[in-house]
N, C-alpha and C. Protein backbone atom coordinates (compact mmCIF):
# COMPACT_ATOMS: atom_id res chain seq x y z
N UNK A 1 151.87 80.75 127.28
CA UNK A 1 150.53 81.29 126.99
C UNK A 1 150.12 82.27 128.09
N UNK A 2 149.60 83.39 127.71
CA UNK A 2 149.19 84.40 128.69
C UNK A 2 147.83 84.07 129.24
N UNK A 3 147.71 84.09 130.55
CA UNK A 3 146.41 83.85 131.19
C UNK A 3 145.65 85.16 131.24
N UNK A 4 144.72 85.34 130.32
CA UNK A 4 143.96 86.59 130.26
C UNK A 4 142.92 86.69 131.35
N UNK A 5 142.76 85.63 132.13
CA UNK A 5 141.78 85.64 133.21
C UNK A 5 142.42 85.88 134.57
N UNK A 6 143.70 86.33 134.57
CA UNK A 6 144.34 86.63 135.84
C UNK A 6 143.58 87.71 136.57
N UNK A 7 143.62 87.66 137.90
CA UNK A 7 142.93 88.67 138.70
C UNK A 7 143.47 90.05 138.33
N UNK A 8 142.57 90.97 138.11
CA UNK A 8 142.95 92.33 137.75
C UNK A 8 143.10 92.52 136.26
N UNK A 9 143.00 91.44 135.50
CA UNK A 9 143.09 91.52 134.05
C UNK A 9 141.92 90.78 133.41
N UNK A 10 140.72 91.34 133.49
CA UNK A 10 139.56 90.66 132.93
C UNK A 10 139.72 90.47 131.43
N UNK A 11 139.23 89.33 130.94
CA UNK A 11 139.39 89.01 129.52
C UNK A 11 138.49 89.89 128.66
N UNK A 12 137.42 90.38 129.23
CA UNK A 12 136.50 91.23 128.48
C UNK A 12 136.31 92.54 129.24
N UNK A 13 136.61 93.63 128.59
CA UNK A 13 136.42 94.94 129.21
C UNK A 13 135.15 95.55 128.62
N UNK A 14 134.14 95.67 129.45
CA UNK A 14 132.85 96.19 128.98
C UNK A 14 132.88 97.71 129.06
N UNK A 15 133.40 98.31 128.00
CA UNK A 15 133.58 99.76 127.96
C UNK A 15 132.26 100.49 128.13
N UNK A 16 131.21 100.03 127.43
CA UNK A 16 129.91 100.70 127.48
C UNK A 16 129.34 100.65 128.89
N UNK A 17 129.55 99.54 129.58
CA UNK A 17 129.03 99.39 130.95
C UNK A 17 129.75 100.34 131.91
N UNK A 18 131.05 100.50 131.72
CA UNK A 18 131.83 101.42 132.55
C UNK A 18 131.32 102.85 132.36
N UNK A 19 131.11 103.23 131.10
CA UNK A 19 130.60 104.57 130.80
C UNK A 19 129.22 104.76 131.41
N UNK A 20 128.40 103.74 131.33
CA UNK A 20 127.04 103.84 131.89
C UNK A 20 127.08 104.04 133.41
N UNK A 21 127.97 103.32 134.08
CA UNK A 21 128.10 103.47 135.54
C UNK A 21 128.57 104.88 135.90
N UNK A 22 129.52 105.38 135.13
CA UNK A 22 130.02 106.74 135.38
C UNK A 22 128.92 107.76 135.09
N UNK A 23 128.15 107.48 134.04
CA UNK A 23 127.07 108.40 133.66
C UNK A 23 126.09 108.60 134.81
N UNK A 24 125.79 107.54 135.53
CA UNK A 24 124.85 107.65 136.65
C UNK A 24 125.37 108.58 137.74
N UNK A 25 126.69 108.55 137.96
CA UNK A 25 127.29 109.44 138.96
C UNK A 25 127.24 110.89 138.47
N UNK A 26 127.64 111.10 137.23
CA UNK A 26 127.61 112.45 136.66
C UNK A 26 126.19 113.00 136.65
N UNK A 27 125.23 112.15 136.34
CA UNK A 27 123.83 112.56 136.25
C UNK A 27 123.33 113.06 137.60
N UNK A 28 123.76 112.39 138.65
CA UNK A 28 123.30 112.75 139.99
C UNK A 28 124.06 113.95 140.56
N UNK A 29 125.38 114.00 140.35
CA UNK A 29 126.19 115.00 141.02
C UNK A 29 126.64 116.15 140.12
N UNK A 30 126.58 115.95 138.80
CA UNK A 30 127.12 116.94 137.89
C UNK A 30 128.61 116.71 137.66
N UNK A 31 129.17 117.41 136.70
CA UNK A 31 130.58 117.23 136.35
C UNK A 31 131.51 117.71 137.45
N UNK A 32 131.33 118.96 137.86
CA UNK A 32 132.26 119.58 138.81
C UNK A 32 132.29 118.86 140.16
N UNK A 33 131.14 118.42 140.63
CA UNK A 33 131.06 117.81 141.97
C UNK A 33 131.47 116.34 141.98
N UNK A 34 131.66 115.75 140.81
CA UNK A 34 132.06 114.35 140.75
C UNK A 34 133.57 114.25 140.85
N UNK A 35 134.04 113.50 141.83
CA UNK A 35 135.48 113.36 142.04
C UNK A 35 136.01 112.11 141.34
N UNK A 36 137.32 112.01 141.24
CA UNK A 36 137.94 110.82 140.66
C UNK A 36 137.58 109.60 141.51
N UNK A 37 137.59 109.76 142.83
CA UNK A 37 137.23 108.65 143.73
C UNK A 37 135.81 108.17 143.46
N UNK A 38 134.89 109.10 143.20
CA UNK A 38 133.51 108.73 142.87
C UNK A 38 133.48 107.83 141.64
N UNK A 39 134.26 108.21 140.63
CA UNK A 39 134.27 107.47 139.37
C UNK A 39 134.95 106.12 139.52
N UNK A 40 136.05 106.08 140.27
CA UNK A 40 136.74 104.81 140.48
C UNK A 40 135.86 103.83 141.24
N UNK A 41 135.14 104.35 142.22
CA UNK A 41 134.23 103.50 143.00
C UNK A 41 133.09 102.98 142.13
N UNK A 42 132.50 103.85 141.32
CA UNK A 42 131.36 103.47 140.49
C UNK A 42 131.75 102.48 139.40
N UNK A 43 132.92 102.71 138.80
CA UNK A 43 133.34 101.87 137.67
C UNK A 43 134.14 100.64 138.11
N UNK A 44 134.53 100.62 139.39
CA UNK A 44 135.33 99.53 139.94
C UNK A 44 136.66 99.39 139.21
N UNK A 45 137.25 100.52 138.91
CA UNK A 45 138.55 100.56 138.23
C UNK A 45 139.61 101.14 139.17
N UNK A 46 140.85 100.73 138.95
CA UNK A 46 141.97 101.35 139.63
C UNK A 46 142.36 102.62 138.87
N UNK A 47 143.09 103.50 139.51
CA UNK A 47 143.44 104.77 138.85
C UNK A 47 144.30 104.54 137.62
N UNK A 48 145.19 103.54 137.66
CA UNK A 48 146.02 103.24 136.50
C UNK A 48 145.20 102.79 135.31
N UNK A 49 144.28 101.87 135.54
CA UNK A 49 143.41 101.38 134.48
C UNK A 49 142.52 102.50 133.95
N UNK A 50 142.07 103.34 134.89
CA UNK A 50 141.19 104.44 134.51
C UNK A 50 141.89 105.36 133.50
N UNK A 51 143.12 105.79 133.82
CA UNK A 51 143.81 106.73 132.95
C UNK A 51 144.36 106.07 131.69
N UNK A 52 144.58 104.75 131.74
CA UNK A 52 144.96 104.04 130.52
C UNK A 52 143.78 103.96 129.56
N UNK A 53 142.59 103.85 130.12
CA UNK A 53 141.38 103.73 129.30
C UNK A 53 140.87 105.08 128.85
N UNK A 54 140.89 106.05 129.78
CA UNK A 54 140.39 107.39 129.49
C UNK A 54 141.54 108.38 129.68
N UNK A 55 142.34 108.50 128.63
CA UNK A 55 143.56 109.32 128.74
C UNK A 55 143.24 110.80 128.97
N UNK A 56 142.03 111.19 128.60
CA UNK A 56 141.60 112.57 128.85
C UNK A 56 140.98 112.73 130.23
N UNK A 57 141.04 111.68 131.05
CA UNK A 57 140.55 111.74 132.42
C UNK A 57 139.05 111.93 132.54
N UNK A 58 138.66 112.67 133.56
CA UNK A 58 137.24 112.85 133.87
C UNK A 58 136.49 113.50 132.71
N UNK A 59 137.10 114.45 132.04
CA UNK A 59 136.42 115.15 130.95
C UNK A 59 136.11 114.19 129.80
N UNK A 60 137.05 113.33 129.45
CA UNK A 60 136.81 112.37 128.37
C UNK A 60 135.67 111.42 128.73
N UNK A 61 135.69 110.95 129.98
CA UNK A 61 134.63 110.04 130.41
C UNK A 61 133.28 110.73 130.43
N UNK A 62 133.25 111.99 130.84
CA UNK A 62 131.99 112.73 130.85
C UNK A 62 131.46 112.90 129.43
N UNK A 63 132.36 113.22 128.51
CA UNK A 63 131.97 113.36 127.11
C UNK A 63 131.37 112.06 126.59
N UNK A 64 132.00 110.95 126.90
CA UNK A 64 131.48 109.65 126.46
C UNK A 64 130.13 109.36 127.11
N UNK A 65 129.96 109.81 128.34
CA UNK A 65 128.69 109.58 129.05
C UNK A 65 127.54 110.32 128.38
N UNK A 66 127.77 111.57 127.98
CA UNK A 66 126.68 112.30 127.35
C UNK A 66 126.46 111.82 125.90
N UNK A 67 127.52 111.33 125.28
CA UNK A 67 127.35 110.77 123.94
C UNK A 67 126.55 109.46 124.00
N UNK A 68 126.66 108.78 125.12
CA UNK A 68 125.85 107.56 125.29
C UNK A 68 124.37 107.93 125.36
N UNK A 69 124.06 109.06 125.97
CA UNK A 69 122.67 109.54 125.99
C UNK A 69 122.24 109.95 124.58
N UNK A 70 123.15 110.51 123.81
CA UNK A 70 122.85 110.86 122.43
C UNK A 70 122.44 109.62 121.65
N UNK A 71 123.13 108.52 121.89
CA UNK A 71 122.79 107.27 121.20
C UNK A 71 121.36 106.84 121.54
N UNK A 72 120.94 107.07 122.77
CA UNK A 72 119.57 106.74 123.17
C UNK A 72 118.57 107.60 122.41
N UNK A 73 118.88 108.89 122.25
CA UNK A 73 118.01 109.78 121.48
C UNK A 73 117.95 109.34 120.02
N UNK A 74 119.09 108.93 119.48
CA UNK A 74 119.13 108.51 118.08
C UNK A 74 118.35 107.20 117.87
N UNK A 75 118.33 106.36 118.88
CA UNK A 75 117.53 105.13 118.80
C UNK A 75 116.05 105.49 118.74
N UNK A 76 115.67 106.51 119.51
CA UNK A 76 114.28 106.98 119.48
C UNK A 76 113.98 107.59 118.11
N UNK A 77 114.95 108.28 117.52
CA UNK A 77 114.76 108.88 116.20
C UNK A 77 114.47 107.80 115.16
N UNK A 78 115.21 106.71 115.22
CA UNK A 78 115.00 105.60 114.28
C UNK A 78 113.61 105.01 114.46
N UNK A 79 113.19 104.90 115.72
CA UNK A 79 111.85 104.39 116.02
C UNK A 79 110.78 105.34 115.50
N UNK A 80 111.03 106.62 115.65
CA UNK A 80 110.07 107.64 115.22
C UNK A 80 109.83 107.59 113.71
N UNK A 81 110.90 107.36 112.98
CA UNK A 81 110.81 107.32 111.51
C UNK A 81 109.90 106.19 111.03
N UNK A 82 109.85 105.11 111.79
CA UNK A 82 109.06 103.94 111.39
C UNK A 82 107.63 104.01 111.88
N UNK A 83 107.33 104.97 112.74
CA UNK A 83 106.01 105.03 113.38
C UNK A 83 104.94 105.58 112.44
N UNK A 84 103.76 105.01 112.55
CA UNK A 84 102.61 105.51 111.77
C UNK A 84 102.05 106.77 112.39
N UNK A 85 102.38 107.02 113.65
CA UNK A 85 101.89 108.22 114.34
C UNK A 85 103.03 108.87 115.12
N UNK A 86 103.85 109.70 114.46
CA UNK A 86 104.96 110.33 115.16
C UNK A 86 104.51 111.22 116.31
N UNK A 87 103.33 111.82 116.19
CA UNK A 87 102.83 112.69 117.26
C UNK A 87 102.59 111.87 118.53
N UNK A 88 102.01 110.70 118.37
CA UNK A 88 101.77 109.83 119.53
C UNK A 88 103.09 109.44 120.19
N UNK A 89 104.11 109.20 119.38
CA UNK A 89 105.42 108.82 119.92
C UNK A 89 106.05 109.98 120.68
N UNK A 90 105.90 111.19 120.13
CA UNK A 90 106.45 112.37 120.81
C UNK A 90 105.72 112.60 122.14
N UNK A 91 104.41 112.43 122.11
CA UNK A 91 103.64 112.57 123.35
C UNK A 91 104.13 111.58 124.40
N UNK A 92 104.35 110.34 123.97
CA UNK A 92 104.82 109.31 124.91
C UNK A 92 106.21 109.63 125.42
N UNK A 93 107.03 110.20 124.55
CA UNK A 93 108.39 110.64 124.91
C UNK A 93 108.32 111.60 126.10
N UNK A 94 107.41 112.57 126.01
CA UNK A 94 107.26 113.55 127.08
C UNK A 94 106.55 112.93 128.29
N UNK A 95 105.54 112.12 128.04
CA UNK A 95 104.78 111.54 129.15
C UNK A 95 105.61 110.58 129.99
N UNK A 96 106.71 110.10 129.43
CA UNK A 96 107.57 109.21 130.22
C UNK A 96 108.10 109.93 131.46
N UNK A 97 108.18 111.26 131.38
CA UNK A 97 108.59 112.05 132.55
C UNK A 97 107.61 111.84 133.70
N UNK A 98 106.31 111.78 133.35
CA UNK A 98 105.26 111.69 134.37
C UNK A 98 105.09 110.28 134.94
N UNK A 99 105.92 109.35 134.49
CA UNK A 99 105.86 107.99 135.05
C UNK A 99 107.15 107.65 135.80
N UNK A 100 108.04 108.63 135.90
CA UNK A 100 109.33 108.40 136.55
C UNK A 100 109.21 108.46 138.07
N UNK A 101 110.22 107.93 138.74
CA UNK A 101 110.27 107.99 140.19
C UNK A 101 110.83 109.32 140.67
N UNK A 102 110.70 109.57 141.97
CA UNK A 102 111.12 110.87 142.52
C UNK A 102 112.62 111.11 142.32
N UNK A 103 113.43 110.06 142.45
CA UNK A 103 114.88 110.22 142.28
C UNK A 103 115.21 110.70 140.87
N UNK A 104 114.51 110.13 139.89
CA UNK A 104 114.74 110.55 138.50
C UNK A 104 114.28 111.98 138.28
N UNK A 105 113.18 112.37 138.93
CA UNK A 105 112.72 113.76 138.84
C UNK A 105 113.81 114.71 139.35
N UNK A 106 114.44 114.34 140.44
CA UNK A 106 115.44 115.20 141.06
C UNK A 106 116.71 115.29 140.23
N UNK A 107 116.99 114.27 139.41
CA UNK A 107 118.17 114.30 138.55
C UNK A 107 117.95 115.14 137.29
N UNK A 108 116.71 115.16 136.80
CA UNK A 108 116.42 115.90 135.57
C UNK A 108 117.01 115.22 134.35
N UNK A 109 117.38 116.02 133.36
CA UNK A 109 117.96 115.52 132.11
C UNK A 109 119.45 115.85 132.11
N UNK A 110 120.28 114.85 131.93
CA UNK A 110 121.73 115.07 132.00
C UNK A 110 122.22 116.01 130.90
N UNK A 111 121.55 115.99 129.73
CA UNK A 111 121.99 116.86 128.64
C UNK A 111 121.63 118.32 128.94
N UNK A 112 120.39 118.55 129.38
CA UNK A 112 119.99 119.91 129.76
C UNK A 112 120.82 120.40 130.95
N UNK A 113 121.07 119.51 131.90
CA UNK A 113 121.89 119.87 133.06
C UNK A 113 123.28 120.33 132.61
N UNK A 114 123.82 119.61 131.61
CA UNK A 114 125.17 119.91 131.14
C UNK A 114 125.24 121.28 130.49
N UNK A 115 124.23 121.63 129.69
CA UNK A 115 124.21 122.95 129.06
C UNK A 115 124.29 124.05 130.12
N UNK A 116 123.51 123.89 131.19
CA UNK A 116 123.48 124.89 132.25
C UNK A 116 124.80 124.91 133.02
N UNK A 117 125.28 123.73 133.43
CA UNK A 117 126.50 123.67 134.25
C UNK A 117 127.74 124.16 133.50
N UNK A 118 127.82 123.84 132.22
CA UNK A 118 129.05 124.11 131.47
C UNK A 118 129.12 125.50 130.84
N UNK A 119 128.06 126.28 130.95
CA UNK A 119 128.02 127.59 130.29
C UNK A 119 129.26 128.42 130.58
N UNK A 120 129.71 128.47 131.81
CA UNK A 120 130.90 129.24 132.16
C UNK A 120 132.03 128.35 132.66
N UNK A 121 131.90 127.05 132.45
CA UNK A 121 132.89 126.11 132.97
C UNK A 121 133.72 125.47 131.87
N UNK A 122 133.05 124.98 130.83
CA UNK A 122 133.77 124.30 129.74
C UNK A 122 132.98 124.44 128.45
N UNK A 123 133.42 125.32 127.58
CA UNK A 123 132.68 125.61 126.35
C UNK A 123 132.57 124.37 125.45
N UNK A 124 133.61 123.56 125.42
CA UNK A 124 133.60 122.38 124.55
C UNK A 124 132.50 121.40 124.97
N UNK A 125 132.41 121.12 126.26
CA UNK A 125 131.38 120.21 126.75
C UNK A 125 129.99 120.84 126.62
N UNK A 126 129.91 122.15 126.82
CA UNK A 126 128.64 122.84 126.66
C UNK A 126 128.12 122.68 125.23
N UNK A 127 129.00 122.92 124.26
CA UNK A 127 128.59 122.83 122.86
C UNK A 127 128.26 121.40 122.45
N UNK A 128 128.91 120.45 123.08
CA UNK A 128 128.61 119.05 122.82
C UNK A 128 127.17 118.74 123.24
N UNK A 129 126.79 119.23 124.42
CA UNK A 129 125.43 119.02 124.91
C UNK A 129 124.42 119.80 124.07
N UNK A 130 124.75 121.03 123.71
CA UNK A 130 123.86 121.85 122.87
C UNK A 130 123.59 121.15 121.55
N UNK A 131 124.64 120.58 120.95
CA UNK A 131 124.47 119.92 119.65
C UNK A 131 123.53 118.73 119.75
N UNK A 132 123.54 118.05 120.89
CA UNK A 132 122.63 116.91 121.08
C UNK A 132 121.19 117.40 121.13
N UNK A 133 120.94 118.46 121.89
CA UNK A 133 119.59 119.01 121.97
C UNK A 133 119.13 119.54 120.61
N UNK A 134 120.04 120.10 119.84
CA UNK A 134 119.68 120.59 118.50
C UNK A 134 119.34 119.43 117.56
N UNK A 135 120.02 118.30 117.75
CA UNK A 135 119.68 117.11 116.96
C UNK A 135 118.27 116.64 117.29
N UNK A 136 117.95 116.67 118.58
CA UNK A 136 116.60 116.27 119.00
C UNK A 136 115.57 117.25 118.43
N UNK A 137 115.91 118.52 118.43
CA UNK A 137 115.03 119.55 117.87
C UNK A 137 114.74 119.27 116.39
N UNK A 138 115.77 118.93 115.63
CA UNK A 138 115.60 118.60 114.22
C UNK A 138 114.74 117.35 114.04
N UNK A 139 114.93 116.39 114.93
CA UNK A 139 114.13 115.17 114.91
C UNK A 139 112.65 115.51 115.10
N UNK A 140 112.36 116.39 116.07
CA UNK A 140 110.98 116.82 116.30
C UNK A 140 110.43 117.54 115.07
N UNK A 141 111.24 118.44 114.48
CA UNK A 141 110.77 119.23 113.34
C UNK A 141 110.38 118.33 112.17
N UNK A 142 111.18 117.31 111.91
CA UNK A 142 110.90 116.39 110.82
C UNK A 142 109.60 115.63 111.06
N UNK A 143 109.42 115.16 112.31
CA UNK A 143 108.21 114.42 112.66
C UNK A 143 106.97 115.32 112.59
N UNK A 144 107.11 116.56 113.04
CA UNK A 144 105.99 117.51 113.01
C UNK A 144 105.60 117.84 111.57
N UNK A 145 106.59 118.03 110.72
CA UNK A 145 106.32 118.31 109.31
C UNK A 145 105.53 117.17 108.68
N UNK A 146 105.95 115.96 108.97
CA UNK A 146 105.26 114.77 108.46
C UNK A 146 103.81 114.73 108.95
N UNK A 147 103.63 115.03 110.24
CA UNK A 147 102.29 114.99 110.82
C UNK A 147 101.40 116.11 110.28
N UNK A 148 101.98 117.26 109.97
CA UNK A 148 101.21 118.34 109.36
C UNK A 148 100.76 117.96 107.94
N UNK A 149 101.63 117.30 107.23
CA UNK A 149 101.31 116.89 105.85
C UNK A 149 100.21 115.84 105.81
N UNK A 150 100.13 114.99 106.83
CA UNK A 150 99.09 113.96 106.87
C UNK A 150 97.82 114.45 107.56
N UNK A 151 97.87 115.65 108.13
CA UNK A 151 96.70 116.20 108.82
C UNK A 151 96.59 115.81 110.27
N UNK A 152 97.58 115.08 110.78
CA UNK A 152 97.56 114.69 112.20
C UNK A 152 97.74 115.91 113.10
N UNK A 153 98.50 116.89 112.62
CA UNK A 153 98.65 118.17 113.32
C UNK A 153 98.03 119.25 112.44
N UNK A 154 97.07 119.98 113.01
CA UNK A 154 96.41 121.04 112.26
C UNK A 154 97.06 122.41 112.51
N UNK A 155 97.84 122.49 113.55
CA UNK A 155 98.55 123.74 113.86
C UNK A 155 99.44 124.11 112.67
N UNK A 156 99.28 125.32 112.16
CA UNK A 156 100.00 125.74 110.95
C UNK A 156 101.33 126.42 111.22
N UNK A 157 101.71 126.51 112.48
CA UNK A 157 103.02 127.10 112.80
C UNK A 157 104.12 126.26 112.15
N UNK A 158 105.25 126.88 111.88
CA UNK A 158 106.32 126.16 111.19
C UNK A 158 106.82 124.99 112.05
N UNK A 159 107.18 123.88 111.42
CA UNK A 159 107.70 122.73 112.16
C UNK A 159 108.92 123.11 113.01
N UNK A 160 109.74 124.02 112.48
CA UNK A 160 110.95 124.43 113.21
C UNK A 160 110.60 125.17 114.50
N UNK A 161 109.58 126.04 114.42
CA UNK A 161 109.16 126.78 115.60
C UNK A 161 108.53 125.85 116.63
N UNK A 162 107.70 124.93 116.19
CA UNK A 162 107.07 123.98 117.10
C UNK A 162 108.12 123.06 117.73
N UNK A 163 109.11 122.69 116.96
CA UNK A 163 110.17 121.83 117.48
C UNK A 163 110.98 122.56 118.55
N UNK A 164 111.26 123.84 118.32
CA UNK A 164 112.01 124.62 119.32
C UNK A 164 111.15 124.82 120.57
N UNK A 165 109.86 124.96 120.38
CA UNK A 165 108.95 125.05 121.52
C UNK A 165 109.04 123.76 122.34
N UNK A 166 109.06 122.61 121.68
CA UNK A 166 109.13 121.34 122.39
C UNK A 166 110.44 121.21 123.18
N UNK A 167 111.54 121.68 122.60
CA UNK A 167 112.81 121.66 123.32
C UNK A 167 112.74 122.57 124.54
N UNK A 168 112.08 123.72 124.38
CA UNK A 168 111.89 124.64 125.51
C UNK A 168 111.06 123.98 126.60
N UNK A 169 110.01 123.28 126.19
CA UNK A 169 109.17 122.54 127.14
C UNK A 169 110.00 121.48 127.86
N UNK A 170 110.80 120.75 127.09
CA UNK A 170 111.64 119.68 127.67
C UNK A 170 112.59 120.25 128.72
N UNK A 171 113.27 121.33 128.36
CA UNK A 171 114.22 121.94 129.30
C UNK A 171 113.51 122.45 130.55
N UNK A 172 112.36 123.09 130.33
CA UNK A 172 111.60 123.61 131.47
C UNK A 172 111.07 122.52 132.38
N UNK A 173 110.56 121.46 131.77
CA UNK A 173 110.02 120.35 132.57
C UNK A 173 111.08 119.72 133.45
N UNK A 174 112.31 119.69 132.97
CA UNK A 174 113.36 119.04 133.73
C UNK A 174 113.86 119.88 134.90
N UNK A 175 113.38 121.13 134.98
CA UNK A 175 113.57 121.93 136.19
C UNK A 175 112.31 121.82 137.05
N UNK A 176 111.16 121.97 136.43
CA UNK A 176 109.89 121.94 137.16
C UNK A 176 109.67 120.62 137.88
N UNK A 177 110.10 119.52 137.27
CA UNK A 177 109.90 118.21 137.91
C UNK A 177 110.68 118.11 139.23
N UNK A 178 111.70 118.94 139.39
CA UNK A 178 112.43 118.97 140.66
C UNK A 178 111.66 119.78 141.70
N UNK A 179 110.93 120.76 141.23
CA UNK A 179 110.12 121.58 142.13
C UNK A 179 108.85 120.86 142.56
N UNK A 180 108.24 120.17 141.59
CA UNK A 180 106.97 119.48 141.84
C UNK A 180 107.08 118.04 141.34
N UNK A 181 107.76 117.17 142.11
CA UNK A 181 107.95 115.78 141.68
C UNK A 181 106.70 114.92 141.84
N UNK A 182 105.59 115.44 141.34
CA UNK A 182 104.31 114.72 141.41
C UNK A 182 103.94 114.28 140.00
N UNK A 183 103.81 112.97 139.80
CA UNK A 183 103.51 112.47 138.46
C UNK A 183 102.18 112.98 137.93
N UNK A 184 101.20 113.09 138.81
CA UNK A 184 99.87 113.55 138.37
C UNK A 184 99.93 114.99 137.88
N UNK A 185 100.58 115.86 138.63
CA UNK A 185 100.65 117.27 138.23
C UNK A 185 101.50 117.43 136.98
N UNK A 186 102.56 116.61 136.85
CA UNK A 186 103.40 116.68 135.67
C UNK A 186 102.64 116.22 134.43
N UNK A 187 101.82 115.19 134.59
CA UNK A 187 101.02 114.70 133.47
C UNK A 187 100.06 115.78 132.98
N UNK A 188 99.41 116.46 133.92
CA UNK A 188 98.48 117.53 133.55
C UNK A 188 99.22 118.67 132.84
N UNK A 189 100.40 118.99 133.35
CA UNK A 189 101.19 120.07 132.76
C UNK A 189 101.64 119.71 131.35
N UNK A 190 102.09 118.47 131.17
CA UNK A 190 102.55 118.02 129.86
C UNK A 190 101.40 118.01 128.85
N UNK A 191 100.25 117.52 129.28
CA UNK A 191 99.08 117.50 128.38
C UNK A 191 98.73 118.91 127.91
N UNK A 192 98.81 119.87 128.81
CA UNK A 192 98.49 121.25 128.44
C UNK A 192 99.55 121.80 127.47
N UNK A 193 100.81 121.52 127.75
CA UNK A 193 101.89 122.05 126.91
C UNK A 193 101.91 121.43 125.52
N UNK A 194 101.51 120.17 125.43
CA UNK A 194 101.53 119.48 124.14
C UNK A 194 100.26 119.69 123.33
N UNK A 195 99.36 120.53 123.85
CA UNK A 195 98.12 120.81 123.09
C UNK A 195 98.44 121.51 121.76
N UNK A 196 99.64 122.04 121.63
CA UNK A 196 100.03 122.68 120.35
C UNK A 196 100.13 121.65 119.23
N UNK A 197 100.29 120.38 119.60
CA UNK A 197 100.42 119.33 118.59
C UNK A 197 99.04 118.77 118.23
N UNK A 198 98.16 119.65 117.88
CA UNK A 198 96.80 119.20 117.53
C UNK A 198 96.30 120.00 116.33
């Protein structure tokens, strides 16, 4: 009988947890500045196990890390669909920025960061990140359309235009929060920017 609990051979490999640990490193340092040693240390894996698990190496793990963030956005989308007030949920989505700690402000958004970093580095990863932001944009457009139909939003601009505006706000905020990591000033800024949803 094989002892699956031998040292170095854990009986349960928590793949999602490994990706999450790597994601935190990528989020802080970016793709290019993250070394294999950084990832091995964060995930507590040996190089052999690492390459057996992620045959595409650092790039595969990075892709899985940003897809894990996509899953978080999709969970919010499911929540949004069930909400009686999608506008309130979107406001809270943005306001969560103004309740974050300084370290989180300095990291920004890993998806927006990826679009910027990968523009001239890796087109495949860039497009992966772009597609996630476009999914979020569509999610906003659907919620805005619903809110316009119920009268919660009186702004008559097209849902698609307002949704793209929100993505622009999101991307901009994730740079501005690094310049001014003050929750009070960010809250005031977000309230002003979201006045279009009225």
